[in-house]
C-alpha atoms as a PDB file:
ATOM      1  CA  MET A   1     113.429  92.237  93.053  1.00  0.00           C
ATOM      2  CA  THR A   2     109.748  92.908  93.508  1.00  0.00           C
ATOM      3  CA  VAL A   3     106.880  95.297  92.911  1.00  0.00           C
ATOM      4  CA  VAL A   4     105.314  97.051  95.854  1.00  0.00           C
ATOM      5  CA  VAL A   5     101.774  98.407  95.760  1.00  0.00           C
ATOM      6  CA  ALA A   6     100.361 100.792  98.365  1.00  0.00           C
ATOM      7  CA  VAL A   7      96.664 100.176  99.017  1.00  0.00           C
ATOM      8  CA  SER A   8      93.877 101.615 101.123  1.00  0.00           C
ATOM      9  CA  ASP A   9      90.203 100.877 101.211  1.00  0.00           C
ATOM     10  CA  ASN A  10      89.081 102.801  98.139  1.00  0.00           C
ATOM     11  CA  ARG A  11      88.458 102.366  94.397  1.00  0.00           C
ATOM     12  CA  GLU A  12      91.807 103.927  93.463  1.00  0.00           C
ATOM     13  CA  SER A  13      93.609 101.245  95.434  1.00  0.00           C
ATOM     14  CA  HIS A  14      91.755  98.483  93.658  1.00  0.00           C
ATOM     15  CA  HIS A  15      92.871  99.882  90.275  1.00  0.00           C
ATOM     16  CA  ALA A  16      96.407 100.222  91.590  1.00  0.00           C
ATOM     17  CA  PHE A  17      96.320  96.635  92.768  1.00  0.00           C
ATOM     18  CA  VAL A  18      95.182  95.343  89.369  1.00  0.00           C
ATOM     19  CA  ALA A  19      97.887  97.481  87.667  1.00  0.00           C
ATOM     20  CA  ALA A  20     100.501  96.187  90.098  1.00  0.00           C
ATOM     21  CA  ILE A  21      99.634  92.585  89.244  1.00  0.00           C
ATOM     22  CA  ALA A  22     100.091  93.373  85.541  1.00  0.00           C
ATOM     23  CA  GLU A  23     103.409  95.154  86.292  1.00  0.00           C
ATOM     24  CA  ALA A  24     104.682  92.191  88.316  1.00  0.00           C
ATOM     25  CA  LYS A  25     103.759  89.854  85.461  1.00  0.00           C
ATOM     26  CA  ARG A  26     105.475  92.099  82.936  1.00  0.00           C
ATOM     27  CA  LEU A  27     108.640  92.241  85.083  1.00  0.00           C
ATOM     28  CA  GLY A  28     108.478  88.586  85.997  1.00  0.00           C
ATOM     29  CA  THR A  29     108.601  89.278  89.750  1.00  0.00           C
ATOM     30  CA  ASP A  30     106.461  88.964  92.891  1.00  0.00           C
ATOM     31  CA  LEU A  31     104.185  91.512  94.413  1.00  0.00           C
ATOM     32  CA  VAL A  32     104.107  92.980  97.981  1.00  0.00           C
ATOM     33  CA  VAL A  33     100.956  94.710  99.138  1.00  0.00           C
ATOM     34  CA  VAL A  34     101.329  97.415 101.747  1.00  0.00           C
ATOM     35  CA  ASN A  35      97.990  98.312 103.372  1.00  0.00           C
ATOM     36  CA  ILE A  36      97.940 101.907 104.550  1.00  0.00           C
ATOM     37  CA  GLY A  37      94.164 102.031 105.167  1.00  0.00           C
ATOM     38  CA  ASP A  38      91.993 101.062 108.095  1.00  0.00           C
ATOM     39  CA  ARG A  39      90.471  98.040 106.306  1.00  0.00           C
ATOM     40  CA  GLU A  40      92.022  95.406 104.082  1.00  0.00           C
ATOM     41  CA  LEU A  41      91.826  95.712 100.333  1.00  0.00           C
ATOM     42  CA  GLN A  42      89.041  93.615  98.917  1.00  0.00           C
ATOM     43  CA  GLU A  43      90.576  91.596  96.113  1.00  0.00           C
ATOM     44  CA  ASP A  44      87.471  89.533  95.328  1.00  0.00           C
ATOM     45  CA  GLY A  45      87.563  88.243  91.774  1.00  0.00           C
ATOM     46  CA  THR A  46      90.912  89.779  91.032  1.00  0.00           C
ATOM     47  CA  ASP A  47      93.078  87.402  88.905  1.00  0.00           C
ATOM     48  CA  THR A  48      96.453  86.989  90.663  1.00  0.00           C
ATOM     49  CA  SER A  49      97.445  83.879  88.740  1.00  0.00           C
ATOM     50  CA  GLY A  50     101.120  83.812  87.838  1.00  0.00           C
ATOM     51  CA  VAL A  51     102.087  86.287  90.546  1.00  0.00           C
ATOM     52  CA  LYS A  52     103.170  85.515  94.100  1.00  0.00           C
ATOM     53  CA  VAL A  53     101.309  88.067  96.230  1.00  0.00           C
ATOM     54  CA  THR A  54     102.475  88.805  99.767  1.00  0.00           C
ATOM     55  CA  VAL A  55     100.712  91.146 102.168  1.00  0.00           C
ATOM     56  CA  ALA A  56     103.205  93.089 104.329  1.00  0.00           C
ATOM     57  CA  LYS A  57     102.521  93.103 108.036  1.00  0.00           C
ATOM     58  CA  HIS A  58     100.398  96.131 108.860  1.00  0.00           C
ATOM     59  CA  ARG A  59     102.410  98.818 110.718  1.00  0.00           C
ATOM     60  CA  LYS A  60     101.310 101.955 112.369  1.00  0.00           C
ATOM     61  CA  GLY A  61     102.952 105.272 111.565  1.00  0.00           C
ATOM     62  CA  ASP A  62     103.182 107.785 108.754  1.00  0.00           C
ATOM     63  CA  ALA A  63     101.742 106.096 105.668  1.00  0.00           C
ATOM     64  CA  ALA A  64     104.328 107.395 103.219  1.00  0.00           C
ATOM     65  CA  GLU A  65     107.213 106.364 105.467  1.00  0.00           C
ATOM     66  CA  VAL A  66     105.735 102.868 105.952  1.00  0.00           C
ATOM     67  CA  VAL A  67     105.500 102.389 102.214  1.00  0.00           C
ATOM     68  CA  ILE A  68     109.003 103.754 101.534  1.00  0.00           C
ATOM     69  CA  ASP A  69     110.438 101.531 104.269  1.00  0.00           C
ATOM     70  CA  GLU A  70     108.809  98.470 102.606  1.00  0.00           C
ATOM     71  CA  VAL A  71     110.167  99.500  99.216  1.00  0.00           C
ATOM     72  CA  VAL A  72     113.691  99.633 100.638  1.00  0.00           C
ATOM     73  CA  LYS A  73     113.276  96.455 102.674  1.00  0.00           C
ATOM     74  CA  CYS A  74     112.054  94.437  99.674  1.00  0.00           C
ATOM     75  CA  ASP A  75     114.663  95.897  97.332  1.00  0.00           C
ATOM     76  CA  ALA A  76     111.700  96.777  95.058  1.00  0.00           C
ATOM     77  CA  GLN A  77     112.175  97.794  91.464  1.00  0.00           C
ATOM     78  CA  ARG A  78     108.782  99.526  91.200  1.00  0.00           C
ATOM     79  CA  LEU A  79     106.170 101.188  93.373  1.00  0.00           C
ATOM     80  CA  VAL A  80     102.542 101.307  92.294  1.00  0.00           C
ATOM     81  CA  ILE A  81     100.103 103.824  93.837  1.00  0.00           C
ATOM     82  CA  GLY A  82      96.529 104.908  93.137  1.00  0.00           C
ATOM     83  CA  LEU A  83      95.832 108.593  92.735  1.00  0.00           C
ATOM     84  CA  LYS A  84      92.792 110.600  93.732  1.00  0.00           C
ATOM     85  CA  ARG A  85      91.860 113.693  91.838  1.00  0.00           C
ATOM     86  CA  ARG A  86      91.969 116.666  94.196  1.00  0.00           C
ATOM     87  CA  THR A  87      91.656 120.365  93.859  1.00  0.00           C
ATOM     88  CA  PRO A  88      94.785 122.435  94.588  1.00  0.00           C
ATOM     89  CA  VAL A  89      93.133 123.656  97.813  1.00  0.00           C
ATOM     90  CA  GLY A  90      92.360 120.096  98.839  1.00  0.00           C
ATOM     91  CA  LYS A  91      95.965 119.124  98.382  1.00  0.00           C
ATOM     92  CA  VAL A  92      97.178 121.966 100.549  1.00  0.00           C
ATOM     93  CA  LEU A  93      94.718 121.446 103.336  1.00  0.00           C
ATOM     94  CA  LEU A  94      94.820 117.617 103.503  1.00  0.00           C
ATOM     95  CA  GLY A  95      98.365 116.927 102.269  1.00  0.00           C
ATOM     96  CA  SER A  96      98.948 113.995 100.000  1.00  0.00           C
ATOM     97  CA  VAL A  97     100.529 110.650 100.713  1.00  0.00           C
ATOM     98  CA  SER A  98     100.652 110.042  96.967  1.00  0.00           C
ATOM     99  CA  GLN A  99     102.543 113.290  96.384  1.00  0.00           C
ATOM    100  CA  ARG A 100     105.097 112.350  99.033  1.00  0.00           C
ATOM    101  CA  LEU A 101     105.520 108.876  97.565  1.00  0.00           C
ATOM    102  CA  LEU A 102     106.007 110.299  94.070  1.00  0.00           C
ATOM    103  CA  LEU A 103     108.659 112.763  95.312  1.00  0.00           C
ATOM    104  CA  ASN A 104     110.484 110.493  97.810  1.00  0.00           C
ATOM    105  CA  SER A 105     110.385 107.041  96.305  1.00  0.00           C
ATOM    106  CA  PRO A 106     113.870 105.573  95.646  1.00  0.00           C
ATOM    107  CA  VAL A 107     112.407 103.594  92.695  1.00  0.00           C
ATOM    108  CA  PRO A 108     110.185 104.470  89.725  1.00  0.00           C
ATOM    109  CA  VAL A 109     106.528 104.977  90.578  1.00  0.00           C
ATOM    110  CA  LEU A 110     103.592 103.825  88.442  1.00  0.00           C
ATOM    111  CA  ALA A 111     100.741 106.193  89.357  1.00  0.00           C
ATOM    112  CA  VAL A 112      97.243 104.824  88.517  1.00  0.00           C
ATOM    113  CA  LYS A 113      94.190 107.058  88.134  1.00  0.00           C
ATOM    114  CA  LEU A 114      90.564 106.002  87.982  1.00  0.00           C
ATOM    115  CA  PRO A 115      89.234 105.473  84.488  1.00  0.00           C
ATOM    116  CA  ALA A 116      87.166 108.357  83.255  1.00  0.00           C
ATOM    117  CA  GLU A 117      83.950 106.327  83.274  1.00  0.00           C
ATOM    118  CA  GLU A 118      84.296 105.855  87.049  1.00  0.00           C
ATOM    119  CA  LEU A 119      84.684 109.529  87.862  1.00  0.00           C
ATOM    120  CA  SER A 120      81.717 111.408  89.137  1.00  0.00           C
ATOM    121  CA  SER A 121      80.378 114.091  86.793  1.00  0.00           C
ATOM    122  CA  THR A 122      81.416 116.753  89.294  1.00  0.00           C
ATOM    123  CA  ALA A 123      84.995 115.519  89.314  1.00  0.00           C
ATOM    124  CA  LEU A 124      85.156 115.956  85.593  1.00  0.00           C
ATOM    125  CA  SER A 125      83.687 119.410  85.643  1.00  0.00           C
ATOM    126  CA  GLU A 126      86.099 120.542  88.427  1.00  0.00           C
ATOM    127  CA  MET A 127      89.200 119.619  86.422  1.00  0.00           C
ATOM    128  CA  ARG A 128      91.033 122.555  84.844  1.00  0.00           C
ATOM    129  CA  GLY A 129      89.669 122.924  81.331  1.00  0.00           C
ATOM    130  CA  GLY A 130      87.058 120.298  81.997  1.00  0.00           C
ATOM    131  CA  ILE A 131      86.727 117.244  79.720  1.00  0.00           C
ATOM    132  CA  PRO A 132      85.440 118.032  76.279  1.00  0.00           C
ATOM    133  CA  ARG A 133      82.390 116.118  75.157  1.00  0.00           C
ATOM    134  CA  VAL A 134      82.991 114.076  72.025  1.00  0.00           C
ATOM    135  CA  THR A 135      79.952 113.252  69.951  1.00  0.00           C
ATOM    136  CA  GLY A 136      79.751 110.966  66.913  1.00  0.00           C
END
């Protein structure tokens, strides 16, 4: 068994990669990285000790299908993905690979969001209900 992580060339993917390493350590298994972006994930300074990390051969095609195929091929026990915060209109117009992976994955999915401190202030204000300011 293995953990599969879908990555692209963005901050969400880096956080998903770090979470996937932790998940592989927790499950005592290896990690397969599926790159669905145009550039390789930069893993500079990321501690991968204790986990065998394999990068799947880059394939062209529908990103969600490529990832699901790799999950099946590896007999994975978990899929890890990074999520972007989008407005409902953005999801309709652009579609969502993440949404398709969540709905179609044959294994449980660990969905990783950016930490609040890495979100732009406009992203926080666009969220339904906003984020309340807590003062001490």
